[in-house]
Amino acid sequence: MEKGHFYVCGDCTMAECVYQRLKSIIQEHGKMNEQDVENYMLQLRDEERYHEDIFGITLRTEEIHRQTRESARTKKNFMSQMSVSSFQE
């Protein structure tokens, strides 16, 4: 195998997903068992060939906007129902 390097930059959730996916790719294509892959990943780190620049918190803007819109719709529907029921009484 060539002496390449892996560089991972992003939030900690993404970095863990990349790490796990890389392990599965190495296991499949390298025809290694799970322990051999784990040892190989440790070797990459020991040889300073696996690099991570990760941070802990990521604002998930799309998710926050979606939740805010859903909350607003729910409140609007509730208020509409209250207005209709008040009007019917």
PDB file of N, CA and C in Angstrom:
ATOM      1  N   MET A   1       0.845  -1.177   0.000  1.00  0.00           N
ATOM      2  CA  MET A   1       0.000   0.000   0.000  1.00  0.00           C
ATOM      3  C   MET A   1       0.891   1.241   0.000  1.00  0.00           C
ATOM      4  N   GLU A   2       0.475   2.266  -0.718  1.00  0.00           N
ATOM      5  CA  GLU A   2       1.218   3.523  -0.777  1.00  0.00           C
ATOM      6  C   GLU A   2       1.195   4.201   0.590  1.00  0.00           C
ATOM      7  N   LYS A   3       2.115   5.104   0.808  1.00  0.00           N
ATOM      8  CA  LYS A   3       2.217   5.816   2.087  1.00  0.00           C
ATOM      9  C   LYS A   3       1.472   7.145   2.022  1.00  0.00           C
ATOM     10  N   GLY A   4       0.183   7.094   1.700  1.00  0.00           N
ATOM     11  CA  GLY A   4      -0.636   8.292   1.604  1.00  0.00           C
ATOM     12  C   GLY A   4      -1.054   8.807   2.970  1.00  0.00           C
ATOM     13  N   HIS A   5      -1.692   9.966   2.960  1.00  0.00           N
ATOM     14  CA  HIS A   5      -2.187  10.601   4.176  1.00  0.00           C
ATOM     15  C   HIS A   5      -3.682  10.844   4.040  1.00  0.00           C
ATOM     16  N   PHE A   6      -4.370  10.853   5.183  1.00  0.00           N
ATOM     17  CA  PHE A   6      -5.784  11.205   5.241  1.00  0.00           C
ATOM     18  C   PHE A   6      -5.906  12.473   6.067  1.00  0.00           C
ATOM     19  N   TYR A   7      -6.647  13.440   5.540  1.00  0.00           N
ATOM     20  CA  TYR A   7      -6.901  14.683   6.241  1.00  0.00           C
ATOM     21  C   TYR A   7      -8.412  14.811   6.417  1.00  0.00           C
ATOM     22  N   VAL A   8      -8.846  14.959   7.659  1.00  0.00           N
ATOM     23  CA  VAL A   8     -10.267  15.093   7.964  1.00  0.00           C
ATOM     24  C   VAL A   8     -10.450  16.416   8.688  1.00  0.00           C
ATOM     25  N   CYS A   9     -11.318  17.254   8.163  1.00  0.00           N
ATOM     26  CA  CYS A   9     -11.567  18.555   8.775  1.00  0.00           C
ATOM     27  C   CYS A   9     -13.075  18.773   8.847  1.00  0.00           C
ATOM     28  N   GLY A  10     -13.573  19.059  10.041  1.00  0.00           N
ATOM     29  CA  GLY A  10     -14.999  19.301  10.220  1.00  0.00           C
ATOM     30  C   GLY A  10     -15.405  19.068  11.661  1.00  0.00           C
ATOM     31  N   ASP A  11     -16.699  18.923  11.890  1.00  0.00           N
ATOM     32  CA  ASP A  11     -17.163  18.724  13.260  1.00  0.00           C
ATOM     33  C   ASP A  11     -16.935  17.287  13.714  1.00  0.00           C
ATOM     34  N   CYS A  12     -17.048  17.071  15.016  1.00  0.00           N
ATOM     35  CA  CYS A  12     -16.713  15.763  15.589  1.00  0.00           C
ATOM     36  C   CYS A  12     -17.647  14.657  15.097  1.00  0.00           C
ATOM     37  N   THR A  13     -18.894  14.958  14.842  1.00  0.00           N
ATOM     38  CA  THR A  13     -19.825  13.947  14.335  1.00  0.00           C
ATOM     39  C   THR A  13     -19.412  13.495  12.942  1.00  0.00           C
ATOM     40  N   MET A  14     -19.105  14.455  12.087  1.00  0.00           N
ATOM     41  CA  MET A  14     -18.677  14.135  10.733  1.00  0.00           C
ATOM     42  C   MET A  14     -17.364  13.366  10.760  1.00  0.00           C
ATOM     43  N   ALA A  15     -16.436  13.789  11.613  1.00  0.00           N
ATOM     44  CA  ALA A  15     -15.128  13.129  11.687  1.00  0.00           C
ATOM     45  C   ALA A  15     -15.278  11.664  12.092  1.00  0.00           C
ATOM     46  N   GLU A  16     -16.172  11.385  13.020  1.00  0.00           N
ATOM     47  CA  GLU A  16     -16.405   9.995  13.440  1.00  0.00           C
ATOM     48  C   GLU A  16     -17.014   9.186  12.300  1.00  0.00           C
ATOM     49  N   CYS A  17     -17.943   9.790  11.556  1.00  0.00           N
ATOM     50  CA  CYS A  17     -18.534   9.102  10.399  1.00  0.00           C
ATOM     51  C   CYS A  17     -17.474   8.786   9.348  1.00  0.00           C
ATOM     52  N   VAL A  18     -16.580   9.740   9.091  1.00  0.00           N
ATOM     53  CA  VAL A  18     -15.500   9.518   8.124  1.00  0.00           C
ATOM     54  C   VAL A  18     -14.602   8.394   8.608  1.00  0.00           C
ATOM     55  N   TYR A  19     -14.256   8.417   9.898  1.00  0.00           N
ATOM     56  CA  TYR A  19     -13.378   7.393  10.470  1.00  0.00           C
ATOM     57  C   TYR A  19     -13.994   5.999  10.316  1.00  0.00           C
ATOM     58  N   GLN A  20     -15.275   5.871  10.661  1.00  0.00           N
ATOM     59  CA  GLN A  20     -15.949   4.574  10.569  1.00  0.00           C
ATOM     60  C   GLN A  20     -16.070   4.114   9.115  1.00  0.00           C
ATOM     61  N   ARG A  21     -16.379   5.050   8.221  1.00  0.00           N
ATOM     62  CA  ARG A  21     -16.507   4.685   6.799  1.00  0.00           C
ATOM     63  C   ARG A  21     -15.160   4.272   6.222  1.00  0.00           C
ATOM     64  N   LEU A  22     -14.113   4.980   6.590  1.00  0.00           N
ATOM     65  CA  LEU A  22     -12.775   4.631   6.122  1.00  0.00           C
ATOM     66  C   LEU A  22     -12.395   3.234   6.597  1.00  0.00           C
ATOM     67  N   LYS A  23     -12.721   2.924   7.846  1.00  0.00           N
ATOM     68  CA  LYS A  23     -12.453   1.580   8.368  1.00  0.00           C
ATOM     69  C   LYS A  23     -13.174   0.519   7.545  1.00  0.00           C
ATOM     70  N   SER A  24     -14.430   0.773   7.203  1.00  0.00           N
ATOM     71  CA  SER A  24     -15.187  -0.229   6.436  1.00  0.00           C
ATOM     72  C   SER A  24     -14.621  -0.380   5.022  1.00  0.00           C
ATOM     73  N   ILE A  25     -14.169   0.719   4.426  1.00  0.00           N
ATOM     74  CA  ILE A  25     -13.562   0.647   3.087  1.00  0.00           C
ATOM     75  C   ILE A  25     -12.265  -0.147   3.140  1.00  0.00           C
ATOM     76  N   ILE A  26     -11.439   0.146   4.139  1.00  0.00           N
ATOM     77  CA  ILE A  26     -10.167  -0.573   4.284  1.00  0.00           C
ATOM     78  C   ILE A  26     -10.420  -2.053   4.539  1.00  0.00           C
ATOM     79  N   GLN A  27     -11.411  -2.351   5.365  1.00  0.00           N
ATOM     80  CA  GLN A  27     -11.730  -3.750   5.666  1.00  0.00           C
ATOM     81  C   GLN A  27     -12.174  -4.479   4.400  1.00  0.00           C
ATOM     82  N   GLU A  28     -13.052  -3.844   3.632  1.00  0.00           N
ATOM     83  CA  GLU A  28     -13.576  -4.484   2.418  1.00  0.00           C
ATOM     84  C   GLU A  28     -12.497  -4.650   1.351  1.00  0.00           C
ATOM     85  N   HIS A  29     -11.812  -3.570   1.041  1.00  0.00           N
ATOM     86  CA  HIS A  29     -10.847  -3.607  -0.067  1.00  0.00           C
ATOM     87  C   HIS A  29      -9.496  -4.189   0.337  1.00  0.00           C
ATOM     88  N   GLY A  30      -9.177  -4.106   1.623  1.00  0.00           N
ATOM     89  CA  GLY A  30      -7.916  -4.678   2.093  1.00  0.00           C
ATOM     90  C   GLY A  30      -8.064  -6.111   2.553  1.00  0.00           C
ATOM     91  N   LYS A  31      -9.326  -6.577   2.532  1.00  0.00           N
ATOM     92  CA  LYS A  31      -9.644  -7.946   2.961  1.00  0.00           C
ATOM     93  C   LYS A  31      -9.050  -8.228   4.344  1.00  0.00           C
ATOM     94  N   MET A  32      -9.336  -7.303   5.279  1.00  0.00           N
ATOM     95  CA  MET A  32      -8.840  -7.406   6.652  1.00  0.00           C
ATOM     96  C   MET A  32     -10.004  -7.684   7.590  1.00  0.00           C
ATOM     97  N   ASN A  33      -9.689  -8.312   8.718  1.00  0.00           N
ATOM     98  CA  ASN A  33     -10.721  -8.451   9.743  1.00  0.00           C
ATOM     99  C   ASN A  33     -10.759  -7.160  10.571  1.00  0.00           C
ATOM    100  N   GLU A  34     -11.740  -7.070  11.453  1.00  0.00           N
ATOM    101  CA  GLU A  34     -11.967  -5.842  12.212  1.00  0.00           C
ATOM    102  C   GLU A  34     -10.750  -5.440  13.055  1.00  0.00           C
ATOM    103  N   GLN A  35     -10.120  -6.405  13.697  1.00  0.00           N
ATOM    104  CA  GLN A  35      -8.956  -6.104  14.539  1.00  0.00           C
ATOM    105  C   GLN A  35      -7.774  -5.613  13.699  1.00  0.00           C
ATOM    106  N   ASP A  36      -7.564  -6.222  12.534  1.00  0.00           N
ATOM    107  CA  ASP A  36      -6.484  -5.780  11.646  1.00  0.00           C
ATOM    108  C   ASP A  36      -6.714  -4.343  11.177  1.00  0.00           C
ATOM    109  N   VAL A  37      -7.961  -4.017  10.890  1.00  0.00           N
ATOM    110  CA  VAL A  37      -8.289  -2.655  10.459  1.00  0.00           C
ATOM    111  C   VAL A  37      -8.017  -1.674  11.593  1.00  0.00           C
ATOM    112  N   GLU A  38      -8.430  -2.037  12.793  1.00  0.00           N
ATOM    113  CA  GLU A  38      -8.198  -1.155  13.945  1.00  0.00           C
ATOM    114  C   GLU A  38      -6.699  -0.932  14.152  1.00  0.00           C
ATOM    115  N   ASN A  39      -5.921  -1.995  14.037  1.00  0.00           N
ATOM    116  CA  ASN A  39      -4.465  -1.876  14.169  1.00  0.00           C
ATOM    117  C   ASN A  39      -3.888  -0.995  13.066  1.00  0.00           C
ATOM    118  N   TYR A  40      -4.411  -1.143  11.854  1.00  0.00           N
ATOM    119  CA  TYR A  40      -3.942  -0.334  10.733  1.00  0.00           C
ATOM    120  C   TYR A  40      -4.250   1.147  10.969  1.00  0.00           C
ATOM    121  N   MET A  41      -5.458   1.436  11.475  1.00  0.00           N
ATOM    122  CA  MET A  41      -5.825   2.823  11.756  1.00  0.00           C
ATOM    123  C   MET A  41      -4.909   3.409  12.828  1.00  0.00           C
ATOM    124  N   LEU A  42      -4.589   2.613  13.842  1.00  0.00           N
ATOM    125  CA  LEU A  42      -3.652   3.070  14.876  1.00  0.00           C
ATOM    126  C   LEU A  42      -2.270   3.322  14.274  1.00  0.00           C
ATOM    127  N   GLN A  43      -1.872   2.467  13.359  1.00  0.00           N
ATOM    128  CA  GLN A  43      -0.582   2.630  12.683  1.00  0.00           C
ATOM    129  C   GLN A  43      -0.566   3.935  11.881  1.00  0.00           C
ATOM    130  N   LEU A  44      -1.668   4.226  11.183  1.00  0.00           N
ATOM    131  CA  LEU A  44      -1.752   5.481  10.432  1.00  0.00           C
ATOM    132  C   LEU A  44      -1.563   6.679  11.358  1.00  0.00           C
ATOM    133  N   ARG A  45      -2.179   6.625  12.526  1.00  0.00           N
ATOM    134  CA  ARG A  45      -2.039   7.720  13.495  1.00  0.00           C
ATOM    135  C   ARG A  45      -0.611   7.793  14.025  1.00  0.00           C
ATOM    136  N   ASP A  46      -0.048   6.633  14.377  1.00  0.00           N
ATOM    137  CA  ASP A  46       1.327   6.592  14.896  1.00  0.00           C
ATOM    138  C   ASP A  46       2.322   7.144  13.883  1.00  0.00           C
ATOM    139  N   GLU A  47       2.091   6.869  12.618  1.00  0.00           N
ATOM    140  CA  GLU A  47       2.975   7.340  11.545  1.00  0.00           C
ATOM    141  C   GLU A  47       2.623   8.757  11.087  1.00  0.00           C
ATOM    142  N   GLU A  48       1.674   9.373  11.796  1.00  0.00           N
ATOM    143  CA  GLU A  48       1.189  10.718  11.473  1.00  0.00           C
ATOM    144  C   GLU A  48       0.724  10.819  10.021  1.00  0.00           C
ATOM    145  N   ARG A  49      -0.047   9.814   9.620  1.00  0.00           N
ATOM    146  CA  ARG A  49      -0.613   9.780   8.272  1.00  0.00           C
ATOM    147  C   ARG A  49      -2.134   9.939   8.294  1.00  0.00           C
ATOM    148  N   TYR A  50      -2.708   9.985   9.486  1.00  0.00           N
ATOM    149  CA  TYR A  50      -4.142  10.245   9.634  1.00  0.00           C
ATOM    150  C   TYR A  50      -4.258  11.524  10.455  1.00  0.00           C
ATOM    151  N   HIS A  51      -4.769  12.581   9.825  1.00  0.00           N
ATOM    152  CA  HIS A  51      -4.801  13.901  10.442  1.00  0.00           C
ATOM    153  C   HIS A  51      -6.251  14.339  10.625  1.00  0.00           C
ATOM    154  N   GLU A  52      -6.539  14.895  11.787  1.00  0.00           N
ATOM    155  CA  GLU A  52      -7.886  15.398  12.057  1.00  0.00           C
ATOM    156  C   GLU A  52      -7.805  16.834  12.557  1.00  0.00           C
ATOM    157  N   ASP A  53      -8.623  17.671  11.977  1.00  0.00           N
ATOM    158  CA  ASP A  53      -8.818  19.037  12.444  1.00  0.00           C
ATOM    159  C   ASP A  53     -10.316  19.138  12.705  1.00  0.00           C
ATOM    160  N   ILE A  54     -10.700  18.825  13.935  1.00  0.00           N
ATOM    161  CA  ILE A  54     -12.133  18.721  14.234  1.00  0.00           C
ATOM    162  C   ILE A  54     -12.531  19.715  15.313  1.00  0.00           C
ATOM    163  N   PHE A  55     -13.797  20.066  15.301  1.00  0.00           N
ATOM    164  CA  PHE A  55     -14.360  20.950  16.312  1.00  0.00           C
ATOM    165  C   PHE A  55     -15.652  20.337  16.816  1.00  0.00           C
ATOM    166  N   GLY A  56     -16.080  20.755  18.002  1.00  0.00           N
ATOM    167  CA  GLY A  56     -17.153  20.070  18.701  1.00  0.00           C
ATOM    168  C   GLY A  56     -18.565  20.461  18.352  1.00  0.00           C
ATOM    169  N   ILE A  57     -18.808  21.720  18.096  1.00  0.00           N
ATOM    170  CA  ILE A  57     -20.193  22.165  17.929  1.00  0.00           C
ATOM    171  C   ILE A  57     -20.406  22.657  16.502  1.00  0.00           C
ATOM    172  N   THR A  58     -21.469  22.181  15.912  1.00  0.00           N
ATOM    173  CA  THR A  58     -21.855  22.646  14.585  1.00  0.00           C
ATOM    174  C   THR A  58     -23.307  23.078  14.649  1.00  0.00           C
ATOM    175  N   LEU A  59     -23.570  24.273  14.213  1.00  0.00           N
ATOM    176  CA  LEU A  59     -24.959  24.701  14.127  1.00  0.00           C
ATOM    177  C   LEU A  59     -25.554  24.083  12.882  1.00  0.00           C
ATOM    178  N   ARG A  60     -26.592  23.352  13.082  1.00  0.00           N
ATOM    179  CA  ARG A  60     -27.261  22.715  11.964  1.00  0.00           C
ATOM    180  C   ARG A  60     -28.397  23.640  11.528  1.00  0.00           C
ATOM    181  N   THR A  61     -28.032  24.638  10.737  1.00  0.00           N
ATOM    182  CA  THR A  61     -28.943  25.710  10.357  1.00  0.00           C
ATOM    183  C   THR A  61     -30.211  25.183   9.713  1.00  0.00           C
ATOM    184  N   GLU A  62     -30.088  24.264   8.769  1.00  0.00           N
ATOM    185  CA  GLU A  62     -31.269  23.744   8.079  1.00  0.00           C
ATOM    186  C   GLU A  62     -32.214  23.074   9.072  1.00  0.00           C
ATOM    187  N   GLU A  63     -31.675  22.279   9.980  1.00  0.00           N
ATOM    188  CA  GLU A  63     -32.505  21.589  10.969  1.00  0.00           C
ATOM    189  C   GLU A  63     -33.197  22.589  11.889  1.00  0.00           C
ATOM    190  N   ILE A  64     -32.480  23.611  12.319  1.00  0.00           N
ATOM    191  CA  ILE A  64     -33.057  24.625  13.202  1.00  0.00           C
ATOM    192  C   ILE A  64     -34.171  25.375  12.487  1.00  0.00           C
ATOM    193  N   HIS A  65     -33.947  25.753  11.228  1.00  0.00           N
ATOM    194  CA  HIS A  65     -34.984  26.444  10.458  1.00  0.00           C
ATOM    195  C   HIS A  65     -36.214  25.562  10.292  1.00  0.00           C
ATOM    196  N   ARG A  66     -36.018  24.282   9.996  1.00  0.00           N
ATOM    197  CA  ARG A  66     -37.140  23.365   9.808  1.00  0.00           C
ATOM    198  C   ARG A  66     -37.945  23.252  11.101  1.00  0.00           C
ATOM    199  N   GLN A  67     -37.259  23.098  12.227  1.00  0.00           N
ATOM    200  CA  GLN A  67     -37.955  22.977  13.505  1.00  0.00           C
ATOM    201  C   GLN A  67     -38.718  24.256  13.833  1.00  0.00           C
ATOM    202  N   THR A  68     -38.122  25.396  13.543  1.00  0.00           N
ATOM    203  CA  THR A  68     -38.776  26.677  13.798  1.00  0.00           C
ATOM    204  C   THR A  68     -40.022  26.824  12.937  1.00  0.00           C
ATOM    205  N   ARG A  69     -39.912  26.459  11.647  1.00  0.00           N
ATOM    206  CA  ARG A  69     -41.077  26.535  10.756  1.00  0.00           C
ATOM    207  C   ARG A  69     -42.189  25.594  11.212  1.00  0.00           C
ATOM    208  N   GLU A  70     -41.819  24.368  11.611  1.00  0.00           N
ATOM    209  CA  GLU A  70     -42.828  23.411  12.077  1.00  0.00           C
ATOM    210  C   GLU A  70     -43.511  23.922  13.337  1.00  0.00           C
ATOM    211  N   SER A  71     -42.736  24.497  14.228  1.00  0.00           N
ATOM    212  CA  SER A  71     -43.297  25.046  15.457  1.00  0.00           C
ATOM    213  C   SER A  71     -44.256  26.193  15.144  1.00  0.00           C
ATOM    214  N   ALA A  72     -43.867  27.054  14.207  1.00  0.00           N
ATOM    215  CA  ALA A  72     -44.725  28.177  13.817  1.00  0.00           C
ATOM    216  C   ALA A  72     -46.018  27.676  13.181  1.00  0.00           C
ATOM    217  N   ARG A  73     -45.916  26.651  12.323  1.00  0.00           N
ATOM    218  CA  ARG A  73     -47.121  26.082  11.696  1.00  0.00           C
ATOM    219  C   ARG A  73     -48.053  25.488  12.746  1.00  0.00           C
ATOM    220  N   THR A  74     -47.483  24.766  13.687  1.00  0.00           N
ATOM    221  CA  THR A  74     -48.285  24.152  14.746  1.00  0.00           C
ATOM    222  C   THR A  74     -49.006  25.226  15.548  1.00  0.00           C
ATOM    223  N   LYS A  75     -48.283  26.275  15.894  1.00  0.00           N
ATOM    224  CA  LYS A  75     -48.881  27.367  16.664  1.00  0.00           C
ATOM    225  C   LYS A  75     -49.973  28.051  15.848  1.00  0.00           C
ATOM    226  N   LYS A  76     -49.706  28.281  14.558  1.00  0.00           N
ATOM    227  CA  LYS A  76     -50.692  28.927  13.687  1.00  0.00           C
ATOM    228  C   LYS A  76     -51.944  28.062  13.575  1.00  0.00           C
ATOM    229  N   ASN A  77     -51.774  26.757  13.381  1.00  0.00           N
ATOM    230  CA  ASN A  77     -52.919  25.847  13.292  1.00  0.00           C
ATOM    231  C   ASN A  77     -53.706  25.839  14.593  1.00  0.00           C
ATOM    232  N   PHE A  78     -53.010  25.836  15.712  1.00  0.00           N
ATOM    233  CA  PHE A  78     -53.671  25.849  17.012  1.00  0.00           C
ATOM    234  C   PHE A  78     -54.479  27.132  17.174  1.00  0.00           C
ATOM    235  N   MET A  79     -53.870  28.267  16.818  1.00  0.00           N
ATOM    236  CA  MET A  79     -54.557  29.549  16.953  1.00  0.00           C
ATOM    237  C   MET A  79     -55.772  29.607  16.024  1.00  0.00           C
ATOM    238  N   SER A  80     -55.631  29.041  14.818  1.00  0.00           N
ATOM    239  CA  SER A  80     -56.756  29.016  13.878  1.00  0.00           C
ATOM    240  C   SER A  80     -57.898  28.185  14.438  1.00  0.00           C
ATOM    241  N   GLN A  81     -57.579  27.048  15.016  1.00  0.00           N
ATOM    242  CA  GLN A  81     -58.604  26.184  15.599  1.00  0.00           C
ATOM    243  C   GLN A  81     -59.271  26.861  16.784  1.00  0.00           C
ATOM    244  N   MET A  82     -58.498  27.579  17.571  1.00  0.00           N
ATOM    245  CA  MET A  82     -59.064  28.290  18.717  1.00  0.00           C
ATOM    246  C   MET A  82     -60.019  29.375  18.240  1.00  0.00           C
ATOM    247  N   SER A  83     -59.657  30.073  17.174  1.00  0.00           N
ATOM    248  CA  SER A  83     -60.510  31.136  16.636  1.00  0.00           C
ATOM    249  C   SER A  83     -61.812  30.564  16.107  1.00  0.00           C
ATOM    250  N   VAL A  84     -61.739  29.445  15.404  1.00  0.00           N
ATOM    251  CA  VAL A  84     -62.927  28.804  14.846  1.00  0.00           C
ATOM    252  C   VAL A  84     -63.824  28.310  15.967  1.00  0.00           C
ATOM    253  N   SER A  85     -63.252  27.659  16.982  1.00  0.00           N
ATOM    254  CA  SER A  85     -64.078  27.128  18.068  1.00  0.00           C
ATOM    255  C   SER A  85     -64.681  28.257  18.891  1.00  0.00           C
ATOM    256  N   SER A  86     -63.969  29.365  19.059  1.00  0.00           N
ATOM    257  CA  SER A  86     -64.511  30.513  19.785  1.00  0.00           C
ATOM    258  C   SER A  86     -65.653  31.137  19.007  1.00  0.00           C
ATOM    259  N   PHE A  87     -65.518  31.186  17.695  1.00  0.00           N
ATOM    260  CA  PHE A  87     -66.529  31.777  16.840  1.00  0.00           C
ATOM    261  C   PHE A  87     -67.792  30.929  16.831  1.00  0.00           C
ATOM    262  N   GLN A  88     -67.636  29.590  16.916  1.00  0.00           N
ATOM    263  CA  GLN A  88     -68.774  28.680  16.865  1.00  0.00           C
ATOM    264  C   GLN A  88     -69.553  28.701  18.165  1.00  0.00           C
ATOM    265  N   GLU A  89     -68.944  29.090  19.248  1.00  0.00           N
ATOM    266  CA  GLU A  89     -69.652  29.108  20.537  1.00  0.00           C
ATOM    267  C   GLU A  89     -70.490  30.301  20.592  1.00  0.00           C
TER     268      GLU A  89
END
